């Protein structure tokens, strides 16, 4: 951020906790009776979002919850891989990220799952912008916000905690 930019908080730490809890409740409702859910966090803040949702989900449902990481370079999306050799057949996968802009990252994050016979695949983001260029629907959204193309959203973390989301 340069000194000429202003930033506006769109979610504080308490707001983030409420959004995470609400998304975890929605996941529990939409997947009631399921034995296992795999949350696949996109490397970086997506991992933190996935872990926060998984922690909340574990307190709400008896569903086994596993967190894995989708490794990709957002500037070069040719190589996308998972950090695990977990068998994914007949599992529910929820791909998680911090912010959805155009849908491109979420679309490429699907690549490692295409060769598995999944039961269901869903998507989750803490903050969704309204600039979709790719046909990716977000199943679980903490906050949906309309922004200009010049504005940016940054989710800030400290370790395993999300401290807030800012509009620049």
C-alpha atoms as a PDB file:
ATOM      1  CA  UNK A   1       0.000   0.000   0.000  1.00  0.00           C
ATOM      2  CA  UNK A   2       1.439   3.390  -0.878  1.00  0.00           C
ATOM      3  CA  UNK A   3       0.924   6.423   1.326  1.00  0.00           C
ATOM      4  CA  UNK A   4      -1.740   7.865  -0.999  1.00  0.00           C
ATOM      5  CA  UNK A   5      -4.097   4.902  -0.555  1.00  0.00           C
ATOM      6  CA  UNK A   6      -6.744   4.779   2.114  1.00  0.00           C
ATOM      7  CA  UNK A   7      -8.000   1.607   3.666  1.00  0.00           C
ATOM      8  CA  UNK A   8     -11.386   0.820   5.097  1.00  0.00           C
ATOM      9  CA  UNK A   9     -12.033  -2.061   7.455  1.00  0.00           C
ATOM     10  CA  UNK A  10     -14.832  -4.246   6.122  1.00  0.00           C
ATOM     11  CA  UNK A  11     -14.515  -7.004   8.752  1.00  0.00           C
ATOM     12  CA  UNK A  12     -12.919  -6.830  12.186  1.00  0.00           C
ATOM     13  CA  UNK A  13     -11.783  -9.913  14.137  1.00  0.00           C
ATOM     14  CA  UNK A  14     -15.191 -10.355  15.802  1.00  0.00           C
ATOM     15  CA  UNK A  15     -16.971  -9.968  12.469  1.00  0.00           C
ATOM     16  CA  UNK A  16     -14.684 -12.612  10.966  1.00  0.00           C
ATOM     17  CA  UNK A  17     -15.530 -15.012  13.825  1.00  0.00           C
ATOM     18  CA  UNK A  18     -19.260 -14.506  13.212  1.00  0.00           C
ATOM     19  CA  UNK A  19     -18.856 -15.119   9.452  1.00  0.00           C
ATOM     20  CA  UNK A  20     -16.757 -18.253  10.046  1.00  0.00           C
ATOM     21  CA  UNK A  21     -19.320 -19.616  12.507  1.00  0.00           C
ATOM     22  CA  UNK A  22     -22.197 -18.915  10.115  1.00  0.00           C
ATOM     23  CA  UNK A  23     -20.399 -20.637   7.231  1.00  0.00           C
ATOM     24  CA  UNK A  24     -19.618 -23.647   9.452  1.00  0.00           C
ATOM     25  CA  UNK A  25     -23.312 -23.851  10.405  1.00  0.00           C
ATOM     26  CA  UNK A  26     -24.298 -23.736   6.732  1.00  0.00           C
ATOM     27  CA  UNK A  27     -21.806 -26.502   5.923  1.00  0.00           C
ATOM     28  CA  UNK A  28     -23.190 -28.653   8.764  1.00  0.00           C
ATOM     29  CA  UNK A  29     -26.753 -28.092   7.513  1.00  0.00           C
ATOM     30  CA  UNK A  30     -25.970 -28.705   3.822  1.00  0.00           C
ATOM     31  CA  UNK A  31     -23.953 -31.839   4.614  1.00  0.00           C
ATOM     32  CA  UNK A  32     -25.979 -33.281   7.504  1.00  0.00           C
ATOM     33  CA  UNK A  33     -25.389 -36.987   7.982  1.00  0.00           C
ATOM     34  CA  UNK A  34     -22.083 -37.034   6.108  1.00  0.00           C
ATOM     35  CA  UNK A  35     -19.198 -38.947   7.665  1.00  0.00           C
ATOM     36  CA  UNK A  36     -16.329 -36.815   6.388  1.00  0.00           C
ATOM     37  CA  UNK A  37     -15.681 -33.395   4.885  1.00  0.00           C
ATOM     38  CA  UNK A  38     -12.335 -32.320   3.443  1.00  0.00           C
ATOM     39  CA  UNK A  39     -11.585 -28.590   3.513  1.00  0.00           C
ATOM     40  CA  UNK A  40      -8.975 -27.748   0.876  1.00  0.00           C
ATOM     41  CA  UNK A  41      -7.450 -24.357   1.654  1.00  0.00           C
ATOM     42  CA  UNK A  42      -5.681 -22.525  -1.142  1.00  0.00           C
ATOM     43  CA  UNK A  43      -2.085 -21.900  -0.069  1.00  0.00           C
ATOM     44  CA  UNK A  44      -1.708 -18.732   2.003  1.00  0.00           C
ATOM     45  CA  UNK A  45      -4.762 -17.188   3.597  1.00  0.00           C
ATOM     46  CA  UNK A  46      -7.040 -19.856   2.133  1.00  0.00           C
ATOM     47  CA  UNK A  47      -5.333 -22.359   4.441  1.00  0.00           C
ATOM     48  CA  UNK A  48      -6.098 -20.156   7.440  1.00  0.00           C
ATOM     49  CA  UNK A  49      -9.737 -19.724   6.410  1.00  0.00           C
ATOM     50  CA  UNK A  50     -10.078 -23.503   5.922  1.00  0.00           C
ATOM     51  CA  UNK A  51      -8.551 -24.246   9.329  1.00  0.00           C
ATOM     52  CA  UNK A  52     -10.768 -21.687  11.106  1.00  0.00           C
ATOM     53  CA  UNK A  53     -13.891 -23.142   9.469  1.00  0.00           C
ATOM     54  CA  UNK A  54     -12.761 -26.699  10.277  1.00  0.00           C
ATOM     55  CA  UNK A  55     -12.193 -25.797  13.940  1.00  0.00           C
ATOM     56  CA  UNK A  56     -15.678 -24.296  14.156  1.00  0.00           C
ATOM     57  CA  UNK A  57     -17.244 -27.208  12.262  1.00  0.00           C
ATOM     58  CA  UNK A  58     -15.681 -29.719  14.672  1.00  0.00           C
ATOM     59  CA  UNK A  59     -17.505 -28.021  17.560  1.00  0.00           C
ATOM     60  CA  UNK A  60     -20.847 -28.107  15.691  1.00  0.00           C
ATOM     61  CA  UNK A  61     -21.052 -31.527  14.053  1.00  0.00           C
ATOM     62  CA  UNK A  62     -19.865 -35.087  14.542  1.00  0.00           C
ATOM     63  CA  UNK A  63     -18.505 -35.090  10.986  1.00  0.00           C
ATOM     64  CA  UNK A  64     -14.829 -35.957  10.603  1.00  0.00           C
ATOM     65  CA  UNK A  65     -13.141 -32.848   9.201  1.00  0.00           C
ATOM     66  CA  UNK A  66      -9.779 -32.917   7.429  1.00  0.00           C
ATOM     67  CA  UNK A  67      -7.845 -29.871   6.204  1.00  0.00           C
ATOM     68  CA  UNK A  68      -5.504 -30.119   3.230  1.00  0.00           C
ATOM     69  CA  UNK A  69      -3.668 -27.475   1.198  1.00  0.00           C
ATOM     70  CA  UNK A  70      -3.957 -26.715  -2.498  1.00  0.00           C
ATOM     71  CA  UNK A  71      -0.563 -25.450  -3.657  1.00  0.00           C
ATOM     72  CA  UNK A  72      -0.592 -23.060  -6.594  1.00  0.00           C
ATOM     73  CA  UNK A  73       1.101 -19.925  -7.790  1.00  0.00           C
ATOM     74  CA  UNK A  74      -1.604 -17.356  -8.525  1.00  0.00           C
ATOM     75  CA  UNK A  75       0.599 -15.762 -11.199  1.00  0.00           C
ATOM     76  CA  UNK A  76       1.434 -19.072 -12.946  1.00  0.00           C
ATOM     77  CA  UNK A  77      -1.415 -21.544 -12.629  1.00  0.00           C
ATOM     78  CA  UNK A  78       0.120 -24.370 -14.669  1.00  0.00           C
ATOM     79  CA  UNK A  79       1.183 -26.455 -11.672  1.00  0.00           C
ATOM     80  CA  UNK A  80      -1.453 -27.096  -9.029  1.00  0.00           C
ATOM     81  CA  UNK A  81      -0.993 -29.868  -6.466  1.00  0.00           C
ATOM     82  CA  UNK A  82      -2.178 -31.071  -3.078  1.00  0.00           C
ATOM     83  CA  UNK A  83      -0.061 -31.485   0.044  1.00  0.00           C
ATOM     84  CA  UNK A  84      -1.449 -34.964   0.681  1.00  0.00           C
ATOM     85  CA  UNK A  85      -1.919 -38.396  -0.831  1.00  0.00           C
ATOM     86  CA  UNK A  86      -5.307 -38.734   0.880  1.00  0.00           C
ATOM     87  CA  UNK A  87      -7.757 -40.874  -1.083  1.00  0.00           C
ATOM     88  CA  UNK A  88     -10.475 -38.478  -2.193  1.00  0.00           C
ATOM     89  CA  UNK A  89     -12.944 -40.856  -3.852  1.00  0.00           C
ATOM     90  CA  UNK A  90     -16.510 -40.503  -2.537  1.00  0.00           C
ATOM     91  CA  UNK A  91     -15.559 -37.551  -0.308  1.00  0.00           C
ATOM     92  CA  UNK A  92     -17.026 -34.085   0.006  1.00  0.00           C
ATOM     93  CA  UNK A  93     -14.437 -31.426  -0.852  1.00  0.00           C
ATOM     94  CA  UNK A  94     -14.818 -27.761   0.038  1.00  0.00           C
ATOM     95  CA  UNK A  95     -12.220 -25.519  -1.603  1.00  0.00           C
ATOM     96  CA  UNK A  96     -11.572 -22.474   0.600  1.00  0.00           C
ATOM     97  CA  UNK A  97      -9.916 -19.116  -0.055  1.00  0.00           C
ATOM     98  CA  UNK A  98      -9.869 -15.718   1.594  1.00  0.00           C
ATOM     99  CA  UNK A  99     -11.119 -13.538  -1.287  1.00  0.00           C
ATOM    100  CA  UNK A 100     -12.857 -14.429  -4.560  1.00  0.00           C
ATOM    101  CA  UNK A 101     -12.225 -11.856  -7.263  1.00  0.00           C
ATOM    102  CA  UNK A 102     -12.641 -13.175 -10.796  1.00  0.00           C
ATOM    103  CA  UNK A 103     -13.014 -16.880  -9.955  1.00  0.00           C
ATOM    104  CA  UNK A 104      -9.787 -17.809 -11.760  1.00  0.00           C
ATOM    105  CA  UNK A 105      -7.871 -19.060  -8.713  1.00  0.00           C
ATOM    106  CA  UNK A 106     -10.838 -21.111  -7.526  1.00  0.00           C
ATOM    107  CA  UNK A 107     -11.272 -22.605 -11.000  1.00  0.00           C
ATOM    108  CA  UNK A 108      -7.623 -23.689 -11.205  1.00  0.00           C
ATOM    109  CA  UNK A 109      -7.756 -25.017  -7.639  1.00  0.00           C
ATOM    110  CA  UNK A 110     -10.185 -27.654  -8.965  1.00  0.00           C
ATOM    111  CA  UNK A 111      -7.456 -29.280 -11.115  1.00  0.00           C
ATOM    112  CA  UNK A 112      -6.085 -31.786  -8.564  1.00  0.00           C
ATOM    113  CA  UNK A 113      -9.594 -33.078  -7.842  1.00  0.00           C
ATOM    114  CA  UNK A 114     -10.639 -33.796 -11.429  1.00  0.00           C
ATOM    115  CA  UNK A 115      -9.212 -37.335 -11.489  1.00  0.00           C
ATOM    116  CA  UNK A 116     -11.078 -38.425  -8.347  1.00  0.00           C
ATOM    117  CA  UNK A 117     -14.645 -39.701  -8.079  1.00  0.00           C
ATOM    118  CA  UNK A 118     -15.788 -37.111  -5.578  1.00  0.00           C
ATOM    119  CA  UNK A 119     -19.147 -37.239  -3.867  1.00  0.00           C
ATOM    120  CA  UNK A 120     -19.514 -33.452  -3.981  1.00  0.00           C
ATOM    121  CA  UNK A 121     -17.331 -30.379  -4.454  1.00  0.00           C
ATOM    122  CA  UNK A 122     -18.181 -26.982  -3.004  1.00  0.00           C
ATOM    123  CA  UNK A 123     -16.477 -23.612  -2.621  1.00  0.00           C
ATOM    124  CA  UNK A 124     -16.079 -21.230   0.306  1.00  0.00           C
ATOM    125  CA  UNK A 125     -14.649 -17.724   0.605  1.00  0.00           C
ATOM    126  CA  UNK A 126     -14.518 -15.246   3.439  1.00  0.00           C
ATOM    127  CA  UNK A 127     -15.051 -12.250   1.114  1.00  0.00           C
ATOM    128  CA  UNK A 128     -16.528 -12.363  -2.372  1.00  0.00           C
ATOM    129  CA  UNK A 129     -16.245  -9.521  -4.873  1.00  0.00           C
ATOM    130  CA  UNK A 130     -18.621  -9.085  -7.783  1.00  0.00           C
ATOM    131  CA  UNK A 131     -16.159  -9.275 -10.703  1.00  0.00           C
ATOM    132  CA  UNK A 132     -16.563 -12.847 -11.939  1.00  0.00           C
ATOM    133  CA  UNK A 133     -14.812 -13.649 -15.228  1.00  0.00           C
ATOM    134  CA  UNK A 134     -14.883 -17.422 -14.718  1.00  0.00           C
ATOM    135  CA  UNK A 135     -17.977 -19.579 -14.084  1.00  0.00           C
ATOM    136  CA  UNK A 136     -17.308 -20.352 -10.435  1.00  0.00           C
ATOM    137  CA  UNK A 137     -20.196 -20.162  -7.986  1.00  0.00           C
ATOM    138  CA  UNK A 138     -19.348 -19.694  -4.309  1.00  0.00           C
ATOM    139  CA  UNK A 139     -21.392 -22.044  -2.115  1.00  0.00           C
ATOM    140  CA  UNK A 140     -20.433 -20.483   1.233  1.00  0.00           C
ATOM    141  CA  UNK A 141     -19.671 -16.767   1.481  1.00  0.00           C
ATOM    142  CA  UNK A 142     -18.841 -14.805   4.606  1.00  0.00           C
ATOM    143  CA  UNK A 143     -19.317 -11.361   3.061  1.00  0.00           C
ATOM    144  CA  UNK A 144     -20.250 -10.355  -0.467  1.00  0.00           C
ATOM    145  CA  UNK A 145     -19.168  -6.848  -1.418  1.00  0.00           C
ATOM    146  CA  UNK A 146     -19.433  -4.771  -4.560  1.00  0.00           C
ATOM    147  CA  UNK A 147     -16.173  -3.026  -5.406  1.00  0.00           C
ATOM    148  CA  UNK A 148     -14.675  -1.172  -8.313  1.00  0.00           C
ATOM    149  CA  UNK A 149     -12.041  -2.912 -10.420  1.00  0.00           C
ATOM    150  CA  UNK A 150      -9.410  -0.580  -8.967  1.00  0.00           C
ATOM    151  CA  UNK A 151     -10.195  -1.497  -5.359  1.00  0.00           C
ATOM    152  CA  UNK A 152      -8.584  -4.453  -3.605  1.00  0.00           C
ATOM    153  CA  UNK A 153      -9.491  -6.527  -0.576  1.00  0.00           C
ATOM    154  CA  UNK A 154      -6.828  -7.822   1.770  1.00  0.00           C
ATOM    155  CA  UNK A 155      -7.483 -10.353   4.530  1.00  0.00           C
ATOM    156  CA  UNK A 156      -4.959 -10.000   7.349  1.00  0.00           C
ATOM    157  CA  UNK A 157      -3.852 -12.894   9.528  1.00  0.00           C
ATOM    158  CA  UNK A 158      -1.652 -13.421  12.567  1.00  0.00           C
ATOM    159  CA  UNK A 159      -0.580 -17.027  12.734  1.00  0.00           C
ATOM    160  CA  UNK A 160      -3.744 -19.147  12.611  1.00  0.00           C
ATOM    161  CA  UNK A 161      -6.088 -16.236  13.347  1.00  0.00           C
ATOM    162  CA  UNK A 162      -7.782 -13.873  10.934  1.00  0.00           C
ATOM    163  CA  UNK A 163      -7.561 -10.353  12.305  1.00  0.00           C
ATOM    164  CA  UNK A 164      -9.637  -8.518   9.717  1.00  0.00           C
ATOM    165  CA  UNK A 165     -10.399  -7.672   6.125  1.00  0.00           C
ATOM    166  CA  UNK A 166      -9.636  -4.333   4.503  1.00  0.00           C
ATOM    167  CA  UNK A 167     -10.729  -2.551   1.355  1.00  0.00           C
ATOM    168  CA  UNK A 168      -7.982  -0.565  -0.383  1.00  0.00           C
END
